[in-house]
C-alpha atoms as a PDB file:
ATOM      1  CA  MET A   1     129.710 177.573  63.117  1.00  0.00           C
ATOM      2  CA  ASN A   2     129.109 173.948  64.561  1.00  0.00           C
ATOM      3  CA  ASP A   3     130.850 171.223  63.249  1.00  0.00           C
ATOM      4  CA  MET A   4     128.630 169.454  60.214  1.00  0.00           C
ATOM      5  CA  PRO A   5     127.481 166.079  60.633  1.00  0.00           C
ATOM      6  CA  VAL A   6     128.679 163.206  58.612  1.00  0.00           C
ATOM      7  CA  LEU A   7     126.533 161.156  56.658  1.00  0.00           C
ATOM      8  CA  TYR A   8     126.720 157.769  54.998  1.00  0.00           C
ATOM      9  CA  LEU A   9     123.144 156.858  52.887  1.00  0.00           C
ATOM     10  CA  SER A  10     122.027 154.404  50.878  1.00  0.00           C
ATOM     11  CA  HIS A  11     121.662 156.143  47.335  1.00  0.00           C
ATOM     12  CA  GLY A  12     120.299 152.775  45.244  1.00  0.00           C
ATOM     13  CA  ALA A  13     119.518 153.343  41.731  1.00  0.00           C
ATOM     14  CA  PRO A  14     118.598 155.705  39.582  1.00  0.00           C
ATOM     15  CA  PRO A  15     114.498 154.839  40.470  1.00  0.00           C
ATOM     16  CA  LEU A  16     114.877 154.942  44.422  1.00  0.00           C
ATOM     17  CA  ILE A  17     113.916 158.345  43.007  1.00  0.00           C
ATOM     18  CA  ASP A  18     109.939 157.079  42.815  1.00  0.00           C
ATOM     19  CA  ASP A  19     110.358 154.482  46.267  1.00  0.00           C
ATOM     20  CA  ALA A  20     108.137 157.470  48.703  1.00  0.00           C
ATOM     21  CA  THR A  21     109.840 155.892  51.589  1.00  0.00           C
ATOM     22  CA  TRP A  22     113.140 156.979  51.008  1.00  0.00           C
ATOM     23  CA  VAL A  23     112.266 160.078  49.131  1.00  0.00           C
ATOM     24  CA  GLY A  24     110.290 161.181  52.470  1.00  0.00           C
ATOM     25  CA  GLN A  25     112.806 160.123  55.443  1.00  0.00           C
ATOM     26  CA  LEU A  26     115.496 161.846  52.924  1.00  0.00           C
ATOM     27  CA  GLN A  27     113.909 165.355  52.630  1.00  0.00           C
ATOM     28  CA  ASP A  28     113.004 165.326  56.100  1.00  0.00           C
ATOM     29  CA  TRP A  29     116.738 164.273  57.341  1.00  0.00           C
ATOM     30  CA  ALA A  30     117.936 167.324  55.113  1.00  0.00           C
ATOM     31  CA  THR A  31     115.230 169.539  56.554  1.00  0.00           C
ATOM     32  CA  ASP A  32     116.927 168.646  60.042  1.00  0.00           C
ATOM     33  CA  LEU A  33     120.247 169.317  59.172  1.00  0.00           C
ATOM     34  CA  PRO A  34     122.622 172.191  59.258  1.00  0.00           C
ATOM     35  CA  ARG A  35     122.171 174.257  56.599  1.00  0.00           C
ATOM     36  CA  PRO A  36     125.776 173.056  55.007  1.00  0.00           C
ATOM     37  CA  ARG A  37     128.167 175.792  53.390  1.00  0.00           C
ATOM     38  CA  ALA A  38     129.043 173.307  50.501  1.00  0.00           C
ATOM     39  CA  ILE A  39     128.925 169.211  50.222  1.00  0.00           C
ATOM     40  CA  LEU A  40     132.152 166.887  49.656  1.00  0.00           C
ATOM     41  CA  ILE A  41     130.814 163.474  48.671  1.00  0.00           C
ATOM     42  CA  VAL A  42     132.431 159.883  47.918  1.00  0.00           C
ATOM     43  CA  SER A  43     130.178 157.752  46.553  1.00  0.00           C
ATOM     44  CA  ALA A  44     130.286 154.046  45.460  1.00  0.00           C
ATOM     45  CA  HIS A  45     130.343 154.627  41.506  1.00  0.00           C
ATOM     46  CA  TRP A  46     133.935 156.458  41.196  1.00  0.00           C
ATOM     47  CA  GLU A  47     136.878 154.177  41.947  1.00  0.00           C
ATOM     48  CA  ALA A  48     140.525 155.952  40.760  1.00  0.00           C
ATOM     49  CA  ALA A  49     143.366 156.740  42.772  1.00  0.00           C
ATOM     50  CA  PRO A  50     145.317 158.633  43.549  1.00  0.00           C
ATOM     51  CA  LEU A  51     142.697 160.540  45.007  1.00  0.00           C
ATOM     52  CA  THR A  52     140.625 162.662  42.394  1.00  0.00           C
ATOM     53  CA  LEU A  53     138.892 165.124  42.366  1.00  0.00           C
ATOM     54  CA  SER A  54     135.261 166.150  40.511  1.00  0.00           C
ATOM     55  CA  SER A  55     135.234 169.264  38.338  1.00  0.00           C
ATOM     56  CA  THR A  56     135.054 172.644  39.824  1.00  0.00           C
ATOM     57  CA  THR A  57     134.280 174.069  36.126  1.00  0.00           C
ATOM     58  CA  PRO A  58     130.657 175.246  36.199  1.00  0.00           C
ATOM     59  CA  HIS A  59     127.753 173.502  33.960  1.00  0.00           C
ATOM     60  CA  THR A  60     129.987 170.868  33.929  1.00  0.00           C
ATOM     61  CA  PRO A  61     127.646 167.280  33.012  1.00  0.00           C
ATOM     62  CA  LEU A  62     126.681 164.531  35.004  1.00  0.00           C
ATOM     63  CA  VAL A  63     127.870 161.512  34.348  1.00  0.00           C
ATOM     64  CA  TYR A  64     124.868 158.851  33.393  1.00  0.00           C
ATOM     65  CA  ASP A  65     126.765 155.718  34.771  1.00  0.00           C
ATOM     66  CA  PHE A  66     123.971 153.653  34.053  1.00  0.00           C
ATOM     67  CA  TRP A  67     122.185 151.503  31.987  1.00  0.00           C
ATOM     68  CA  GLY A  68     118.910 149.979  31.060  1.00  0.00           C
ATOM     69  CA  PHE A  69     116.439 152.666  32.840  1.00  0.00           C
ATOM     70  CA  PRO A  70     113.925 154.517  31.122  1.00  0.00           C
ATOM     71  CA  ASP A  71     114.512 158.109  29.194  1.00  0.00           C
ATOM     72  CA  ARG A  72     113.830 159.921  31.882  1.00  0.00           C
ATOM     73  CA  PHE A  73     116.452 159.198  34.306  1.00  0.00           C
ATOM     74  CA  TYR A  74     118.695 160.220  31.186  1.00  0.00           C
ATOM     75  CA  GLN A  75     117.242 163.595  31.449  1.00  0.00           C
ATOM     76  CA  VAL A  76     117.697 164.509  34.784  1.00  0.00           C
ATOM     77  CA  THR A  77     119.743 167.672  35.420  1.00  0.00           C
ATOM     78  CA  TYR A  78     121.756 169.047  38.576  1.00  0.00           C
ATOM     79  CA  ASP A  79     123.473 172.183  37.885  1.00  0.00           C
ATOM     80  CA  ALA A  80     124.946 172.523  41.473  1.00  0.00           C
ATOM     81  CA  PRO A  81     127.836 175.362  42.426  1.00  0.00           C
ATOM     82  CA  VAL A  82     131.071 174.800  41.963  1.00  0.00           C
ATOM     83  CA  ALA A  83     133.060 173.884  45.255  1.00  0.00           C
ATOM     84  CA  ALA A  84     136.290 174.846  44.163  1.00  0.00           C
ATOM     85  CA  ASP A  85     137.446 176.217  47.557  1.00  0.00           C
ATOM     86  CA  VAL A  86     136.525 173.204  48.826  1.00  0.00           C
ATOM     87  CA  ALA A  87     138.977 171.524  46.544  1.00  0.00           C
ATOM     88  CA  GLU A  88     141.633 173.660  47.546  1.00  0.00           C
ATOM     89  CA  THR A  89     141.564 173.364  51.210  1.00  0.00           C
ATOM     90  CA  LEU A  90     141.098 169.394  50.950  1.00  0.00           C
ATOM     91  CA  ALA A  91     144.081 169.471  49.309  1.00  0.00           C
ATOM     92  CA  ALA A  92     146.090 171.405  51.859  1.00  0.00           C
ATOM     93  CA  LEU A  93     144.790 168.658  53.865  1.00  0.00           C
ATOM     94  CA  MET A  94     146.484 166.220  52.174  1.00  0.00           C
ATOM     95  CA  PRO A  95     150.445 165.039  52.105  1.00  0.00           C
ATOM     96  CA  ARG A  96     152.450 166.880  49.630  1.00  0.00           C
ATOM     97  CA  GLU A  97     153.252 163.398  48.532  1.00  0.00           C
ATOM     98  CA  HIS A  98     149.579 162.180  47.846  1.00  0.00           C
ATOM     99  CA  GLN A  99     147.921 165.872  46.576  1.00  0.00           C
ATOM    100  CA  PRO A 100     144.438 164.946  44.769  1.00  0.00           C
ATOM    101  CA  VAL A 101     144.558 164.830  41.034  1.00  0.00           C
ATOM    102  CA  ARG A 102     141.678 167.257  39.548  1.00  0.00           C
ATOM    103  CA  SER A 103     139.424 166.445  36.875  1.00  0.00           C
ATOM    104  CA  GLY A 104     136.758 167.086  34.598  1.00  0.00           C
ATOM    105  CA  ARG A 105     134.872 164.955  35.691  1.00  0.00           C
ATOM    106  CA  GLY A 106     130.872 164.848  36.939  1.00  0.00           C
ATOM    107  CA  LEU A 107     128.777 164.491  39.147  1.00  0.00           C
ATOM    108  CA  ASP A 108     127.813 160.796  39.305  1.00  0.00           C
ATOM    109  CA  HIS A 109     124.523 158.647  40.178  1.00  0.00           C
ATOM    110  CA  GLY A 110     125.879 157.870  43.628  1.00  0.00           C
ATOM    111  CA  ALA A 111     126.227 161.911  43.986  1.00  0.00           C
ATOM    112  CA  TYR A 112     123.526 163.413  42.420  1.00  0.00           C
ATOM    113  CA  VAL A 113     120.647 161.312  43.104  1.00  0.00           C
ATOM    114  CA  PRO A 114     120.425 161.721  46.809  1.00  0.00           C
ATOM    115  CA  LEU A 115     121.387 165.250  46.545  1.00  0.00           C
ATOM    116  CA  THR A 116     118.058 166.411  43.729  1.00  0.00           C
ATOM    117  CA  VAL A 117     115.960 164.736  46.927  1.00  0.00           C
ATOM    118  CA  MET A 118     117.572 166.431  49.908  1.00  0.00           C
ATOM    119  CA  TYR A 119     118.750 169.398  47.771  1.00  0.00           C
ATOM    120  CA  PRO A 120     116.591 169.687  45.057  1.00  0.00           C
ATOM    121  CA  ASP A 121     117.289 173.473  43.868  1.00  0.00           C
ATOM    122  CA  ALA A 122     120.557 172.679  43.459  1.00  0.00           C
ATOM    123  CA  ASP A 123     121.750 175.663  45.438  1.00  0.00           C
ATOM    124  CA  VAL A 124     123.996 174.082  47.482  1.00  0.00           C
ATOM    125  CA  PRO A 125     127.858 173.905  46.074  1.00  0.00           C
ATOM    126  CA  VAL A 126     128.881 170.511  45.861  1.00  0.00           C
ATOM    127  CA  LEU A 127     132.582 168.525  45.348  1.00  0.00           C
ATOM    128  CA  GLN A 128     133.108 164.315  44.059  1.00  0.00           C
ATOM    129  CA  MET A 129     135.570 162.690  45.854  1.00  0.00           C
ATOM    130  CA  SER A 130     136.945 159.121  44.264  1.00  0.00           C
ATOM    131  CA  LEU A 131     137.517 156.189  46.233  1.00  0.00           C
ATOM    132  CA  PRO A 132     141.234 156.118  46.267  1.00  0.00           C
ATOM    133  CA  THR A 133     141.035 152.523  47.805  1.00  0.00           C
ATOM    134  CA  LEU A 134     138.785 149.850  49.232  1.00  0.00           C
ATOM    135  CA  ASP A 135     140.556 148.956  52.300  1.00  0.00           C
ATOM    136  CA  PRO A 136     138.657 149.889  55.339  1.00  0.00           C
ATOM    137  CA  GLU A 137     141.222 151.239  57.768  1.00  0.00           C
ATOM    138  CA  ARG A 138     142.823 153.524  54.744  1.00  0.00           C
ATOM    139  CA  LEU A 139     139.283 154.757  54.484  1.00  0.00           C
ATOM    140  CA  ILE A 140     139.236 155.344  57.753  1.00  0.00           C
ATOM    141  CA  GLU A 141     142.309 157.362  57.998  1.00  0.00           C
ATOM    142  CA  LEU A 142     141.191 159.605  54.564  1.00  0.00           C
ATOM    143  CA  GLY A 143     138.127 160.350  56.510  1.00  0.00           C
ATOM    144  CA  ALA A 144     139.966 161.511  59.555  1.00  0.00           C
ATOM    145  CA  ARG A 145     142.016 164.061  57.394  1.00  0.00           C
ATOM    146  CA  LEU A 146     139.033 165.678  56.142  1.00  0.00           C
ATOM    147  CA  ARG A 147     137.124 166.112  59.683  1.00  0.00           C
ATOM    148  CA  PRO A 148     138.387 169.797  59.982  1.00  0.00           C
ATOM    149  CA  LEU A 149     136.196 170.566  56.644  1.00  0.00           C
ATOM    150  CA  ARG A 150     133.410 170.153  58.811  1.00  0.00           C
ATOM    151  CA  GLU A 151     134.205 173.507  60.890  1.00  0.00           C
ATOM    152  CA  SER A 152     133.643 175.207  57.999  1.00  0.00           C
ATOM    153  CA  GLY A 153     130.194 174.159  57.291  1.00  0.00           C
ATOM    154  CA  VAL A 154     130.848 171.112  54.743  1.00  0.00           C
ATOM    155  CA  LEU A 155     128.521 168.211  54.866  1.00  0.00           C
ATOM    156  CA  ILE A 156     130.581 165.434  54.524  1.00  0.00           C
ATOM    157  CA  VAL A 157     128.671 162.150  53.103  1.00  0.00           C
ATOM    158  CA  GLY A 158     129.604 158.548  51.873  1.00  0.00           C
ATOM    159  CA  SER A 159     126.937 157.797  49.600  1.00  0.00           C
ATOM    160  CA  GLY A 160     127.048 153.535  48.879  1.00  0.00           C
ATOM    161  CA  PHE A 161     124.148 150.946  50.267  1.00  0.00           C
ATOM    162  CA  THR A 162     124.232 148.847  53.234  1.00  0.00           C
ATOM    163  CA  THR A 163     123.521 146.052  50.865  1.00  0.00           C
ATOM    164  CA  HIS A 164     124.498 145.343  47.706  1.00  0.00           C
ATOM    165  CA  GLY A 165     124.116 141.687  45.795  1.00  0.00           C
ATOM    166  CA  LEU A 166     122.568 142.180  42.412  1.00  0.00           C
ATOM    167  CA  PRO A 167     124.215 139.365  40.986  1.00  0.00           C
ATOM    168  CA  PHE A 168     122.593 137.114  44.093  1.00  0.00           C
ATOM    169  CA  LEU A 169     118.485 138.829  43.534  1.00  0.00           C
ATOM    170  CA  THR A 170     116.215 136.940  42.072  1.00  0.00           C
ATOM    171  CA  ASP A 171     112.822 138.668  42.166  1.00  0.00           C
ATOM    172  CA  PRO A 172     113.280 142.642  40.422  1.00  0.00           C
ATOM    173  CA  ARG A 173     110.443 144.696  41.630  1.00  0.00           C
ATOM    174  CA  PRO A 174     110.769 147.071  44.041  1.00  0.00           C
ATOM    175  CA  ASP A 175     109.040 145.569  46.805  1.00  0.00           C
ATOM    176  CA  ALA A 176     110.600 142.174  46.683  1.00  0.00           C
ATOM    177  CA  ALA A 177     111.062 140.304  50.343  1.00  0.00           C
ATOM    178  CA  PRO A 178     114.645 140.660  51.123  1.00  0.00           C
ATOM    179  CA  PRO A 179     117.366 137.133  50.318  1.00  0.00           C
ATOM    180  CA  GLY A 180     118.227 136.123  53.817  1.00  0.00           C
ATOM    181  CA  TRP A 181     121.716 137.298  53.634  1.00  0.00           C
ATOM    182  CA  SER A 182     120.667 140.881  52.713  1.00  0.00           C
ATOM    183  CA  ALA A 183     118.451 140.995  55.821  1.00  0.00           C
ATOM    184  CA  GLU A 184     120.760 139.254  57.919  1.00  0.00           C
ATOM    185  CA  PHE A 185     123.811 141.489  57.256  1.00  0.00           C
ATOM    186  CA  ASP A 186     121.226 144.643  57.413  1.00  0.00           C
ATOM    187  CA  ALA A 187     120.295 143.508  61.153  1.00  0.00           C
ATOM    188  CA  TRP A 188     124.092 142.829  61.685  1.00  0.00           C
ATOM    189  CA  ALA A 189     124.996 145.949  60.268  1.00  0.00           C
ATOM    190  CA  ASP A 190     121.974 148.005  62.732  1.00  0.00           C
ATOM    191  CA  GLU A 191     123.462 146.306  65.050  1.00  0.00           C
ATOM    192  CA  ALA A 192     126.928 146.987  64.434  1.00  0.00           C
ATOM    193  CA  PHE A 193     125.650 150.921  64.093  1.00  0.00           C
ATOM    194  CA  ARG A 194     124.198 151.477  67.124  1.00  0.00           C
ATOM    195  CA  ARG A 195     126.999 149.886  69.527  1.00  0.00           C
ATOM    196  CA  GLY A 196     129.816 152.167  67.629  1.00  0.00           C
ATOM    197  CA  ASP A 197     131.379 149.118  66.837  1.00  0.00           C
ATOM    198  CA  ALA A 198     133.960 150.480  64.368  1.00  0.00           C
ATOM    199  CA  ALA A 199     136.147 146.850  64.262  1.00  0.00           C
ATOM    200  CA  SER A 200     133.635 144.596  63.518  1.00  0.00           C
ATOM    201  CA  LEU A 201     132.097 147.282  60.679  1.00  0.00           C
ATOM    202  CA  VAL A 202     135.938 147.685  59.491  1.00  0.00           C
ATOM    203  CA  ASP A 203     136.045 143.562  59.635  1.00  0.00           C
ATOM    204  CA  PHE A 204     132.935 142.940  57.657  1.00  0.00           C
ATOM    205  CA  ARG A 205     134.528 140.522  55.182  1.00  0.00           C
ATOM    206  CA  HIS A 206     134.840 138.008  57.756  1.00  0.00           C
ATOM    207  CA  ALA A 207     132.225 139.303  60.480  1.00  0.00           C
ATOM    208  CA  ALA A 208     129.215 139.670  58.949  1.00  0.00           C
ATOM    209  CA  PRO A 209     126.527 137.162  58.104  1.00  0.00           C
ATOM    210  CA  GLY A 210     125.389 137.714  54.754  1.00  0.00           C
ATOM    211  CA  MET A 211     129.320 137.871  52.915  1.00  0.00           C
ATOM    212  CA  PRO A 212     129.568 137.673  50.602  1.00  0.00           C
ATOM    213  CA  TYR A 213     126.291 137.533  48.903  1.00  0.00           C
ATOM    214  CA  ALA A 214     125.671 140.728  50.770  1.00  0.00           C
ATOM    215  CA  HIS A 215     128.609 142.372  49.223  1.00  0.00           C
ATOM    216  CA  PRO A 216     130.081 140.247  46.112  1.00  0.00           C
ATOM    217  CA  THR A 217     132.596 143.412  45.563  1.00  0.00           C
ATOM    218  CA  VAL A 218     132.766 146.061  47.961  1.00  0.00           C
ATOM    219  CA  GLU A 219     132.310 149.087  47.223  1.00  0.00           C
ATOM    220  CA  HIS A 220     129.268 150.268  48.074  1.00  0.00           C
ATOM    221  CA  PHE A 221     129.875 149.624  52.047  1.00  0.00           C
ATOM    222  CA  ALA A 222     133.408 151.536  51.433  1.00  0.00           C
ATOM    223  CA  PRO A 223     131.813 155.094  51.547  1.00  0.00           C
ATOM    224  CA  LEU A 224     131.101 153.826  55.280  1.00  0.00           C
ATOM    225  CA  PHE A 225     134.243 154.195  56.442  1.00  0.00           C
ATOM    226  CA  VAL A 226     135.271 157.862  54.671  1.00  0.00           C
ATOM    227  CA  ALA A 227     132.079 158.916  57.024  1.00  0.00           C
ATOM    228  CA  LEU A 228     133.478 157.211  60.028  1.00  0.00           C
ATOM    229  CA  GLY A 229     136.268 158.815  59.982  1.00  0.00           C
ATOM    230  CA  ALA A 230     135.441 161.862  59.364  1.00  0.00           C
ATOM    231  CA  SER A 231     133.325 161.800  62.477  1.00  0.00           C
ATOM    232  CA  SER A 232     134.810 163.120  65.891  1.00  0.00           C
ATOM    233  CA  ASP A 233     135.190 158.849  67.005  1.00  0.00           C
ATOM    234  CA  PRO A 234     134.549 156.568  64.767  1.00  0.00           C
ATOM    235  CA  GLU A 235     133.463 154.231  67.431  1.00  0.00           C
ATOM    236  CA  GLN A 236     130.259 157.151  68.347  1.00  0.00           C
ATOM    237  CA  VAL A 237     127.109 155.335  68.509  1.00  0.00           C
ATOM    238  CA  PRO A 238     125.219 157.349  65.474  1.00  0.00           C
ATOM    239  CA  THR A 239     122.885 159.968  66.398  1.00  0.00           C
ATOM    240  CA  GLN A 240     120.683 158.839  64.070  1.00  0.00           C
ATOM    241  CA  VAL A 241     120.240 155.418  62.168  1.00  0.00           C
ATOM    242  CA  ILE A 242     117.540 155.388  59.714  1.00  0.00           C
ATOM    243  CA  ASP A 243     116.031 152.520  58.412  1.00  0.00           C
ATOM    244  CA  SER A 244     114.130 152.536  54.863  1.00  0.00           C
ATOM    245  CA  GLY A 245     113.366 149.179  54.565  1.00  0.00           C
ATOM    246  CA  PHE A 246     114.277 147.437  51.358  1.00  0.00           C
ATOM    247  CA  TRP A 247     113.968 148.195  47.404  1.00  0.00           C
ATOM    248  CA  MET A 248     114.457 144.720  45.450  1.00  0.00           C
ATOM    249  CA  GLY A 249     115.388 143.242  48.463  1.00  0.00           C
ATOM    250  CA  LEU A 250     118.905 145.655  48.954  1.00  0.00           C
ATOM    251  CA  ALA A 251     118.997 147.085  52.274  1.00  0.00           C
ATOM    252  CA  LYS A 252     118.779 151.363  52.196  1.00  0.00           C
ATOM    253  CA  ARG A 253     119.930 151.652  55.932  1.00  0.00           C
ATOM    254  CA  SER A 254     121.833 155.344  56.792  1.00  0.00           C
ATOM    255  CA  ILE A 255     123.281 156.450  59.379  1.00  0.00           C
ATOM    256  CA  GLU A 256     124.025 159.935  60.873  1.00  0.00           C
ATOM    257  CA  LEU A 257     127.263 160.795  62.387  1.00  0.00           C
ATOM    258  CA  VAL A 258     128.879 163.899  64.282  1.00  0.00           C
END
């Protein structure tokens, strides 16, 4: 079995499921990917230290970690098989003094929303892990420890949003033009991705235009660094850069690495 690729995707909020461009691109992306044996996903919406793993008990409910949306978004289900073996292997990859904590937590929307599009039959086992830190270099180190999982067919996914300056949005329409800070950060990230410029990405707080407006808090960019670390080389050029445009002015850019 060839190693699975690694993804960083912009998962959006639950209403992004109504965005035809994003949905179509994710569906096509999943079709082109090798079929994963399991999925390990790290979402911007779960920060917990030490490293914590989601439930490996069947039928654990989802985490509806949002508010103010229509009822239909709270009725979504995604009862994927558990990935208990991935949890065991992941634990074996961690240092003895930094063993992950097991929890009864279900998948949050940063995990299940894109998976309902990419693997709608919910027939691939899924394990979610927390962000134990927001430090890019430590997350790259964590991703590197996870790299062997790819050899056994595990798809590693970092789920965030290329820009996420919600407090600074002034136009709530899905098709709103992006603010300057969002467009500038996205263009900078695109260039850094295509150069394989991991050093600039790590220093995004200082190097990127549009900061701190593009990421007033940085948890939505942090999953990128787990993906970079889990790739064969954090400084590689992505095999795909998927430009989905903007939603509510926020950039939906995603990448695939090997």
